[in-house]
C-alpha cells in the first residue's frame, strides 16, 4: 500500500526584492479535501529615517569657529599698527592676514546670495557681456585698431579739444535751462487744472445756493407757488447776479432750472390777489397774452456767451439776446418766440423744433415795440432775427427757413443753409 505524503504545513520563505522575507501560511486540509484560501502576510519595510545631516554639521565652516572674530580683530590691529608707524611689511602682513581670514567667512553667504538672487540665465548673460567686451578689446588690440585710434587722438589739437569741451558744457547748460522751463511749464499746467477744478466746484456750490434761495422765495410752506411782487423782484435780482458771475455752462444750468420749474413761463393769474391759477391737472395755466412770469429775463442774456451749451426745451421767449453767442448750442424744442436775436451768432446750432413764431408762417412777423402780439395769426409773435448768423445751422425746417429768410435781412440771407431763392425779403433791408 502506498503512503501519501503529508501536506505541507507552511510554504518556504521567499526572499523579497528588498532582501526581507515574505511569510505565507496555509490552513490544513479539511476532511472534504478542500483547503481554505491562503492568507498572505507581508512584512512592512522599516521606516526610513528622516534625519538629514546639514552641510554645516558635516563640513565645519570657518564662520562658526569662535576664534574667527578675535583673529580678525588682531589682523586689523596689526594693519593699523603698520599704517601708524609707516612700516610696509607689518602693514602688508596685517592686510594679507585680514584678507585671508575675512574672505572665507564672507564667500559662502555671498555665493549663496548670488545663487538665490540671480538666476542662472541672468548669470550667463552677465558673463556674456563681459566676454563680449573682452573680445572687442582683444580684437582691437590684435588688429591694431587701438593704435590707430591713439594716433588720431594725438593729432588732435588740445585747443580744439578744449573748445569742444566748452561747447559741450554750454550745451549742457542749455539743456538744464530747457529742463527747468519744462518743469515750470508743467507746474503751471497742473496749477491751472487744479484752479479750474476748484472754480468749477465753487461755481456749482453757488448755483445750488441760488436754486435753494429762489425756491424759498417763490414757494410757500405747502410747496405751492406764492410769488408776491417783492419776492419776484428779489428772484429777478438773484438771477441777474448769478447769470453775470458764472460761465456759459453755469448760465445754461440756471436757464434749464428756471425753464423746467416754469418760472420763466407767463402764468395765468386771478384778478384779486394775482396768484397763479391751477389747470386742474397738477400744473399752472399758461397765459401768453396777459400772464405774469415769476422771473422775467429782460436784458439778462444780452451779449451773453452760451456757445456749445445745452438749451433743449428751454423757455427763452421775450428775452433780449442781442449779440448773444449761441454757436453750437443744442436748441431742440426751445421757445424763441418774440426773442430779440439781433446780430446773434447761431452758427452750427441745432434748431430742430425751435419755436420762432406762433400761428402761420405766411402771417407771422417779428415782435413790435408798439403793437401787441396776436397768437392766433402769428402777427408780432416772431423772433427778431435781423443780421443774425445762420451759417451751418443743423436741422433747419422749411417753415423756419422761410421765416428766417423773410425777416433776417439781406446780409443774413446769404448764411442760411439751402438759400433763400423764391422767398421775399419782407424786412425790406
Protein backbone atom coordinates (compact mmCIF):
# COMPACT_ATOMS: atom_id res chain seq x y z
CA UNK A 1 0.00 0.00 0.00
CA UNK A 2 1.30 3.39 -1.00
CA UNK A 3 1.66 6.00 1.67
CA UNK A 4 0.58 9.62 0.69
CA UNK A 5 2.97 12.29 1.66
CA UNK A 6 1.87 14.72 4.27
CA UNK A 7 0.56 18.04 3.03
CA UNK A 8 2.92 20.90 3.74
CA UNK A 9 2.02 22.98 6.74
CA UNK A 10 3.76 26.07 5.51
CA UNK A 11 5.39 27.26 2.37
CA UNK A 12 9.07 28.01 2.31
CA UNK A 13 10.03 31.61 2.77
CA UNK A 14 10.77 33.59 -0.32
CA UNK A 15 13.15 36.45 -0.26
CA UNK A 16 11.63 39.78 -1.23
CA UNK A 17 13.35 42.11 -3.66
CA UNK A 18 14.42 44.27 -0.77
CA UNK A 19 16.16 41.39 0.93
CA UNK A 20 13.37 40.87 3.51
CA UNK A 21 11.49 37.60 3.74
CA UNK A 22 7.78 37.41 2.96
CA UNK A 23 5.79 34.86 5.04
CA UNK A 24 2.91 32.84 3.50
CA UNK A 25 0.80 30.35 5.51
CA UNK A 26 -1.96 27.91 4.54
CA UNK A 27 -4.50 26.05 6.69
CA UNK A 28 -4.59 22.29 6.97
CA UNK A 29 -6.67 20.43 4.50
CA UNK A 30 -10.14 19.79 5.79
CA UNK A 31 -11.86 16.49 5.79
CA UNK A 32 -13.60 17.09 2.48
CA UNK A 33 -10.25 17.58 0.76
CA UNK A 34 -10.76 21.31 0.19
CA UNK A 35 -8.38 23.80 1.61
CA UNK A 36 -9.36 27.39 2.54
CA UNK A 37 -7.74 30.28 0.69
CA UNK A 38 -4.22 31.08 1.67
CA UNK A 39 -3.55 34.07 3.88
CA UNK A 40 -0.51 36.12 2.89
CA UNK A 41 1.28 38.22 5.42
CA UNK A 42 3.64 40.86 4.09
CA UNK A 43 6.18 42.47 6.31
CA UNK A 44 6.16 46.30 6.01
CA UNK A 45 9.51 47.88 5.22
CA UNK A 46 11.14 49.60 8.14
CA UNK A 47 10.60 53.37 8.34
CA UNK A 48 13.23 55.43 6.68
CA UNK A 49 14.99 57.84 8.91
CA UNK A 50 14.24 61.47 8.02
CA UNK A 51 17.19 62.91 9.82
CA UNK A 52 19.44 64.73 7.38
CA UNK A 53 22.79 65.95 8.39
CA UNK A 54 23.21 69.57 7.40
CA UNK A 55 26.18 70.76 5.45
CA UNK A 56 27.27 72.86 8.38
CA UNK A 57 27.49 69.81 10.68
CA UNK A 58 29.07 67.52 8.10
CA UNK A 59 31.53 70.14 6.88
CA UNK A 60 32.75 72.51 9.57
CA UNK A 61 32.65 76.14 8.49
CA UNK A 62 35.18 78.77 9.39
CA UNK A 63 32.39 81.26 10.09
CA UNK A 64 31.20 79.18 13.06
CA UNK A 65 34.64 78.96 14.66
CA UNK A 66 34.68 81.02 17.88
CA UNK A 67 38.18 82.34 17.29
CA UNK A 68 37.41 83.99 13.91
CA UNK A 69 36.32 87.40 15.33
CA UNK A 70 39.35 87.52 17.60
CA UNK A 71 41.73 86.68 14.75
CA UNK A 72 40.08 89.27 12.54
CA UNK A 73 40.45 91.98 15.17
CA UNK A 74 44.09 91.01 15.73
CA UNK A 75 44.79 91.21 11.98
CA UNK A 76 43.10 94.61 11.78
CA UNK A 77 45.14 95.80 14.74
CA UNK A 78 48.37 94.69 13.01
CA UNK A 79 47.26 96.53 9.86
CA UNK A 80 46.52 99.72 11.81
CA UNK A 81 49.86 99.42 13.61
CA UNK A 82 51.73 99.11 10.31
CA UNK A 83 49.94 102.14 8.91
CA UNK A 84 50.58 104.13 12.06
CA UNK A 85 54.32 103.51 12.25
CA UNK A 86 54.58 103.56 8.45
CA UNK A 87 56.08 100.07 8.26
CA UNK A 88 55.44 98.39 4.95
CA UNK A 89 55.93 94.77 6.00
CA UNK A 90 53.85 94.97 9.18
CA UNK A 91 51.03 96.71 7.31
CA UNK A 92 51.23 94.20 4.43
CA UNK A 93 51.16 91.29 6.86
CA UNK A 94 48.11 92.70 8.63
CA UNK A 95 46.32 93.33 5.34
CA UNK A 96 47.03 89.84 3.99
CA UNK A 97 46.01 88.23 7.28
CA UNK A 98 42.77 90.23 7.38
CA UNK A 99 42.03 89.27 3.79
CA UNK A 100 42.72 85.57 4.32
CA UNK A 101 40.51 85.44 7.42
CA UNK A 102 37.62 87.53 6.08
CA UNK A 103 37.27 86.13 2.58
CA UNK A 104 36.36 82.54 3.57
CA UNK A 105 33.77 83.86 6.03
CA UNK A 106 32.12 86.16 3.52
CA UNK A 107 32.46 83.96 0.43
CA UNK A 108 29.93 81.24 1.35
CA UNK A 109 26.95 83.55 2.17
CA UNK A 110 27.87 85.75 -0.79
CA UNK A 111 27.81 82.77 -3.13
CA UNK A 112 24.52 81.61 -1.64
CA UNK A 113 23.01 85.11 -2.04
CA UNK A 114 24.09 85.27 -5.67
CA UNK A 115 22.59 81.86 -6.41
CA UNK A 116 19.28 82.88 -4.81
CA UNK A 117 19.08 86.42 -6.24
CA UNK A 118 20.45 85.93 -9.74
CA UNK A 119 19.09 83.16 -11.92
CA UNK A 120 21.44 81.02 -14.00
CA UNK A 121 20.20 82.71 -17.17
CA UNK A 122 21.00 86.15 -15.80
CA UNK A 123 24.40 84.95 -14.64
CA UNK A 124 25.08 83.68 -18.15
CA UNK A 125 24.05 86.99 -19.68
CA UNK A 126 26.18 88.95 -17.23
CA UNK A 127 29.23 86.84 -18.01
CA UNK A 128 28.46 87.05 -21.74
CA UNK A 129 28.52 90.86 -21.58
CA UNK A 130 32.00 90.82 -20.05
CA UNK A 131 33.05 88.25 -22.62
CA UNK A 132 31.79 90.48 -25.43
CA UNK A 133 33.70 93.48 -24.09
CA UNK A 134 36.83 91.39 -23.62
CA UNK A 135 36.53 90.03 -27.16
CA UNK A 136 36.15 93.52 -28.64
CA UNK A 137 39.16 94.78 -26.67
CA UNK A 138 41.22 91.77 -27.69
CA UNK A 139 40.34 92.10 -31.38
CA UNK A 140 41.10 95.83 -31.30
CA UNK A 141 44.48 95.13 -29.72
CA UNK A 142 45.40 92.29 -32.06
CA UNK A 143 44.36 94.09 -35.25
CA UNK A 144 45.98 97.40 -34.28
CA UNK A 145 42.79 99.44 -34.27
CA UNK A 146 43.54 100.84 -30.82
CA UNK A 147 46.93 102.12 -32.03
CA UNK A 148 45.31 103.90 -34.97
CA UNK A 149 42.78 105.46 -32.62
CA UNK A 150 45.57 106.65 -30.32
CA UNK A 151 47.34 108.21 -33.30
CA UNK A 152 44.21 110.09 -34.30
CA UNK A 153 43.84 111.42 -30.76
CA UNK A 154 47.46 112.57 -30.75
CA UNK A 155 46.90 114.57 -33.95
CA UNK A 156 44.00 116.48 -32.42
CA UNK A 157 44.85 119.89 -31.13
CA UNK A 158 44.44 120.39 -27.41
CA UNK A 159 42.81 123.77 -28.07
CA UNK A 160 40.22 122.09 -30.28
CA UNK A 161 39.54 119.60 -27.54
CA UNK A 162 39.16 122.45 -25.08
CA UNK A 163 36.74 124.24 -27.42
CA UNK A 164 34.78 121.04 -27.78
CA UNK A 165 34.61 120.72 -24.01
CA UNK A 166 33.39 124.29 -23.71
CA UNK A 167 30.78 123.65 -26.40
CA UNK A 168 29.60 120.52 -24.58
CA UNK A 169 29.43 122.49 -21.33
CA UNK A 170 27.36 125.23 -22.96
CA UNK A 171 25.08 122.61 -24.47
CA UNK A 172 24.63 121.06 -21.03
CA UNK A 173 23.68 124.43 -19.56
CA UNK A 174 21.16 124.96 -22.35
CA UNK A 175 19.66 121.53 -21.72
CA UNK A 176 19.42 122.28 -18.00
CA UNK A 177 17.67 125.58 -18.78
CA UNK A 178 15.25 123.81 -21.13
CA UNK A 179 14.55 121.21 -18.45
CA UNK A 180 13.89 123.96 -15.89
CA UNK A 181 11.48 125.70 -18.29
CA UNK A 182 9.67 122.42 -18.94
CA UNK A 183 9.31 121.74 -15.21
CA UNK A 184 7.98 125.26 -14.63
CA UNK A 185 5.52 124.85 -17.51
CA UNK A 186 4.27 121.51 -16.12
CA UNK A 187 3.80 123.10 -12.70
CA UNK A 188 1.81 125.91 -14.33
CA UNK A 189 -0.40 123.43 -16.21
CA UNK A 190 -1.05 121.39 -13.07
CA UNK A 191 -1.80 124.52 -11.06
CA UNK A 192 -4.12 125.76 -13.79
CA UNK A 193 -6.02 122.46 -13.89
CA UNK A 194 -6.41 122.48 -10.11
CA UNK A 195 -7.63 126.08 -10.23
CA UNK A 196 -10.20 125.24 -12.91
CA UNK A 197 -11.48 122.29 -10.89
CA UNK A 198 -11.72 124.39 -7.77
CA UNK A 199 -13.55 127.14 -9.65
CA UNK A 200 -15.98 124.58 -11.09
CA UNK A 201 -16.76 123.22 -7.63
CA UNK A 202 -17.20 126.73 -6.21
CA UNK A 203 -19.45 127.72 -9.12
CA UNK A 204 -21.63 124.64 -8.66
CA UNK A 205 -21.98 125.40 -4.95
CA UNK A 206 -23.01 128.96 -5.82
CA UNK A 207 -25.61 127.72 -8.32
CA UNK A 208 -27.01 125.24 -5.79
CA UNK A 209 -27.35 128.03 -3.24
CA UNK A 210 -29.17 130.12 -5.87
CA UNK A 211 -31.59 127.27 -6.61
CA UNK A 212 -32.41 126.92 -2.92
CA UNK A 213 -32.81 130.66 -2.43
CA UNK A 214 -35.19 131.11 -5.36
CA UNK A 215 -37.24 128.10 -4.24
CA UNK A 216 -37.57 129.52 -0.74
CA UNK A 217 -38.71 132.87 -2.15
CA UNK A 218 -41.28 131.57 -4.64
CA UNK A 219 -42.83 128.68 -2.65
CA UNK A 220 -44.95 128.69 0.47
CA UNK A 221 -44.84 126.19 3.32
CA UNK A 222 -47.13 123.80 1.40
CA UNK A 223 -44.94 123.81 -1.71
CA UNK A 224 -47.34 125.93 -3.80
CA UNK A 225 -46.23 128.87 -5.90
CA UNK A 226 -46.81 132.10 -3.99
CA UNK A 227 -44.84 134.93 -5.55
CA UNK A 228 -45.63 138.41 -4.36
CA UNK A 229 -44.25 141.42 -6.25
CA UNK A 230 -41.32 141.94 -3.90
CA UNK A 231 -40.43 138.25 -3.98
CA UNK A 232 -40.43 138.34 -7.79
CA UNK A 233 -38.13 141.35 -7.68
CA UNK A 234 -35.72 139.57 -5.33
CA UNK A 235 -35.78 136.47 -7.54
CA UNK A 236 -35.01 138.53 -10.65
CA UNK A 237 -32.18 140.29 -8.81
CA UNK A 238 -30.64 137.00 -7.75
CA UNK A 239 -30.97 135.66 -11.28
CA UNK A 240 -29.31 138.72 -12.81
CA UNK A 241 -26.44 138.43 -10.33
CA UNK A 242 -25.87 134.71 -10.90
CA UNK A 243 -26.01 134.98 -14.70
CA UNK A 244 -23.35 137.68 -14.68
CA UNK A 245 -20.94 135.72 -12.46
CA UNK A 246 -20.89 132.21 -13.99
CA UNK A 247 -19.54 130.83 -17.26
CA UNK A 248 -21.53 129.55 -20.25
CA UNK A 249 -22.23 126.14 -18.72
CA UNK A 250 -23.37 127.77 -15.47
CA UNK A 251 -25.74 130.09 -17.38
CA UNK A 252 -27.20 127.09 -19.20
CA UNK A 253 -27.80 125.27 -15.89
CA UNK A 254 -29.65 128.27 -14.46
CA UNK A 255 -31.78 128.68 -17.61
CA UNK A 256 -32.68 124.97 -17.66
CA UNK A 257 -33.66 125.08 -13.98
CA UNK A 258 -35.88 128.14 -14.42
CA UNK A 259 -37.46 126.73 -17.59
CA UNK A 260 -38.27 123.32 -16.16
CA UNK A 261 -39.62 124.96 -12.99
CA UNK A 262 -41.91 127.11 -15.19
CA UNK A 263 -40.55 130.22 -13.54
CA UNK A 264 -39.95 131.77 -16.99
CA UNK A 265 -43.40 130.88 -18.38
CA UNK A 266 -46.18 133.55 -18.32
CA UNK A 267 -48.81 132.12 -15.93
CA UNK A 268 -52.49 132.99 -15.71
CA UNK A 269 -53.34 134.94 -12.54
CA UNK A 270 -56.53 135.62 -10.70
CA UNK A 271 -57.78 139.21 -10.71
CA UNK A 272 -57.88 139.61 -6.94
CA UNK A 273 -54.53 138.63 -5.42
CA UNK A 274 -52.54 137.91 -8.56
CA UNK A 275 -51.85 134.31 -7.56
CA UNK A 276 -51.19 131.71 -10.30
CA UNK A 277 -54.15 129.55 -11.23
CA UNK A 278 -54.08 125.77 -11.40
CA UNK A 279 -55.19 123.99 -14.58
CA UNK A 280 -56.86 121.07 -12.77
CA UNK A 281 -54.16 118.60 -13.91
CA UNK A 282 -51.49 119.32 -11.34
CA UNK A 283 -49.96 122.28 -13.17
CA UNK A 284 -50.42 126.00 -13.70
CA UNK A 285 -52.32 127.66 -16.53
CA UNK A 286 -50.26 129.36 -19.23
CA UNK A 287 -51.37 132.75 -20.47
CA UNK A 288 -49.34 134.18 -23.36
CA UNK A 289 -51.40 137.34 -23.69
CA UNK A 290 -51.67 138.63 -20.11
CA UNK A 291 -49.73 136.14 -18.00
CA UNK A 292 -47.09 137.16 -15.47
CA UNK A 293 -43.73 135.38 -15.18
CA UNK A 294 -42.16 134.69 -11.83
CA UNK A 295 -38.80 135.75 -13.30
CA UNK A 296 -38.56 137.94 -16.39
CA UNK A 297 -35.16 137.67 -18.04
CA UNK A 298 -35.44 141.02 -19.83
CA UNK A 299 -31.85 142.00 -20.80
CA UNK A 300 -30.01 139.50 -18.57
CA UNK A 301 -28.81 137.50 -21.61
CA UNK A 302 -27.92 140.42 -23.87
CA UNK A 303 -24.46 139.72 -25.29
CA UNK A 304 -24.20 136.52 -23.24
CA UNK A 305 -21.78 133.78 -24.26
CA UNK A 306 -23.72 130.50 -24.39
CA UNK A 307 -21.66 128.75 -27.06
CA UNK A 308 -21.81 124.96 -27.06
CA UNK A 309 -24.30 124.67 -24.20
CA UNK A 310 -27.39 122.51 -23.78
CA UNK A 311 -30.55 124.63 -24.02
CA UNK A 312 -33.08 121.99 -25.03
CA UNK A 313 -36.72 122.66 -24.14
CA UNK A 314 -35.84 125.98 -22.54
CA UNK A 315 -38.22 128.96 -22.27
CA UNK A 316 -36.45 131.98 -23.78
CA UNK A 317 -39.45 133.81 -25.22
CA UNK A 318 -39.48 137.62 -24.91
CA UNK A 319 -35.83 137.61 -23.77
CA UNK A 320 -33.43 140.23 -25.06
CA UNK A 321 -30.47 138.26 -26.50
CA UNK A 322 -28.91 140.95 -28.65
CA UNK A 323 -25.49 139.84 -29.96
CA UNK A 324 -25.64 136.67 -27.89
CA UNK A 325 -23.29 133.85 -28.85
CA UNK A 326 -25.38 130.71 -29.41
CA UNK A 327 -22.96 128.97 -31.76
CA UNK A 328 -23.02 125.19 -31.43
CA UNK A 329 -25.90 125.25 -28.94
CA UNK A 330 -28.45 122.46 -28.70
CA UNK A 331 -31.71 124.41 -29.07
CA UNK A 332 -34.03 121.49 -29.77
CA UNK A 333 -37.65 122.42 -28.93
CA UNK A 334 -36.55 125.70 -27.36
CA UNK A 335 -39.08 128.57 -27.39
CA UNK A 336 -37.56 131.65 -29.05
CA UNK A 337 -40.83 133.40 -29.93
CA UNK A 338 -40.57 137.19 -29.56
CA UNK A 339 -36.88 136.77 -28.58
CA UNK A 340 -34.58 139.52 -29.78
CA UNK A 341 -31.76 137.76 -31.68
CA UNK A 342 -30.44 140.87 -33.40
CA UNK A 343 -26.89 140.14 -34.64
CA UNK A 344 -26.86 136.91 -32.64
CA UNK A 345 -24.47 134.13 -33.63
CA UNK A 346 -26.38 130.91 -34.32
CA UNK A 347 -23.74 129.21 -36.45
CA UNK A 348 -23.72 125.43 -36.00
CA UNK A 349 -26.68 125.43 -33.62
CA UNK A 350 -29.28 122.66 -33.71
CA UNK A 351 -32.64 124.33 -34.48
CA UNK A 352 -34.82 121.22 -34.70
CA UNK A 353 -38.34 122.04 -33.49
CA UNK A 354 -37.41 125.56 -32.32
CA UNK A 355 -40.42 127.88 -31.90
CA UNK A 356 -39.55 131.09 -33.71
CA UNK A 357 -43.16 132.32 -34.03
CA UNK A 358 -46.80 131.41 -33.41
CA UNK A 359 -49.53 130.96 -35.98
CA UNK A 360 -48.89 130.59 -39.72
CA UNK A 361 -45.54 131.33 -41.33
CA UNK A 362 -47.27 133.43 -44.02
CA UNK A 363 -48.77 135.80 -41.46
CA UNK A 364 -46.15 135.60 -38.71
CA UNK A 365 -43.94 138.63 -38.15
CA UNK A 366 -41.31 139.76 -35.62
CA UNK A 367 -42.27 141.42 -32.36
CA UNK A 368 -43.09 145.12 -32.34
CA UNK A 369 -42.45 147.78 -29.74
CA UNK A 370 -45.89 149.38 -30.20
CA UNK A 371 -48.21 146.66 -31.45
CA UNK A 372 -49.40 143.75 -29.26
CA UNK A 373 -48.86 140.18 -30.41
CA UNK A 374 -51.60 138.09 -31.98
CA UNK A 375 -51.01 134.47 -31.08
CA UNK A 376 -53.72 133.22 -33.44
CA UNK A 377 -52.43 134.76 -36.67
CA UNK A 378 -48.80 134.99 -35.53
CA UNK A 379 -48.50 138.72 -36.15
CA UNK A 380 -45.78 140.25 -33.98
CA UNK A 381 -45.11 136.93 -32.25
CA UNK A 382 -41.90 136.05 -34.07
CA UNK A 383 -38.27 136.39 -33.06
CA UNK A 384 -36.17 139.31 -34.25
CA UNK A 385 -33.53 137.61 -36.42
CA UNK A 386 -32.17 140.63 -38.28
CA UNK A 387 -28.46 140.32 -39.14
CA UNK A 388 -28.22 137.00 -37.28
CA UNK A 389 -25.61 134.47 -38.39
CA UNK A 390 -27.17 131.16 -39.53
CA UNK A 391 -24.04 129.62 -41.02
CA UNK A 392 -24.09 125.82 -40.71
CA UNK A 393 -27.22 125.56 -38.57
CA UNK A 394 -28.47 121.99 -38.20
CA UNK A 395 -31.90 120.51 -38.96
CA UNK A 396 -33.47 123.77 -40.08
CA UNK A 397 -37.08 123.02 -41.00
CA UNK A 398 -38.77 124.50 -44.07
CA UNK A 399 -41.06 126.87 -42.15
CA UNK A 400 -38.13 128.05 -40.05
CA UNK A 401 -36.05 128.65 -43.18
CA UNK A 402 -38.90 130.64 -44.79
CA UNK A 403 -39.36 132.82 -41.70
CA UNK A 404 -35.62 133.48 -41.30
CA UNK A 405 -35.20 134.32 -44.99
CA UNK A 406 -38.19 136.67 -44.88
CA UNK A 407 -37.19 138.60 -41.75
CA UNK A 408 -33.41 138.31 -41.30
CA UNK A 409 -32.35 140.97 -43.80
CA UNK A 410 -30.19 140.89 -46.88
CA UNK A 411 -26.91 140.27 -45.05
CA UNK A 412 -28.15 137.21 -43.16
CA UNK A 413 -29.97 135.62 -46.11
CA UNK A 414 -26.61 134.56 -47.54
CA UNK A 415 -25.76 132.49 -44.43
CA UNK A 416 -28.95 130.40 -44.31
CA UNK A 417 -28.43 126.77 -45.44
CA UNK A 418 -30.44 125.94 -48.55
CA UNK A 419 -30.54 129.55 -49.72
CA UNK A 420 -33.46 131.94 -49.92
CA UNK A 421 -34.34 131.71 -53.60
CA UNK A 422 -38.01 132.49 -54.19
CA UNK A 423 -38.59 133.78 -50.65
CA UNK A 424 -39.33 137.53 -50.46
CA UNK A 425 -37.37 139.84 -48.19
CA UNK A 426 -40.20 141.12 -46.02
CA UNK A 427 -37.84 143.09 -43.82
CA UNK A 428 -37.11 145.40 -46.73
CA UNK A 429 -33.45 145.98 -45.92
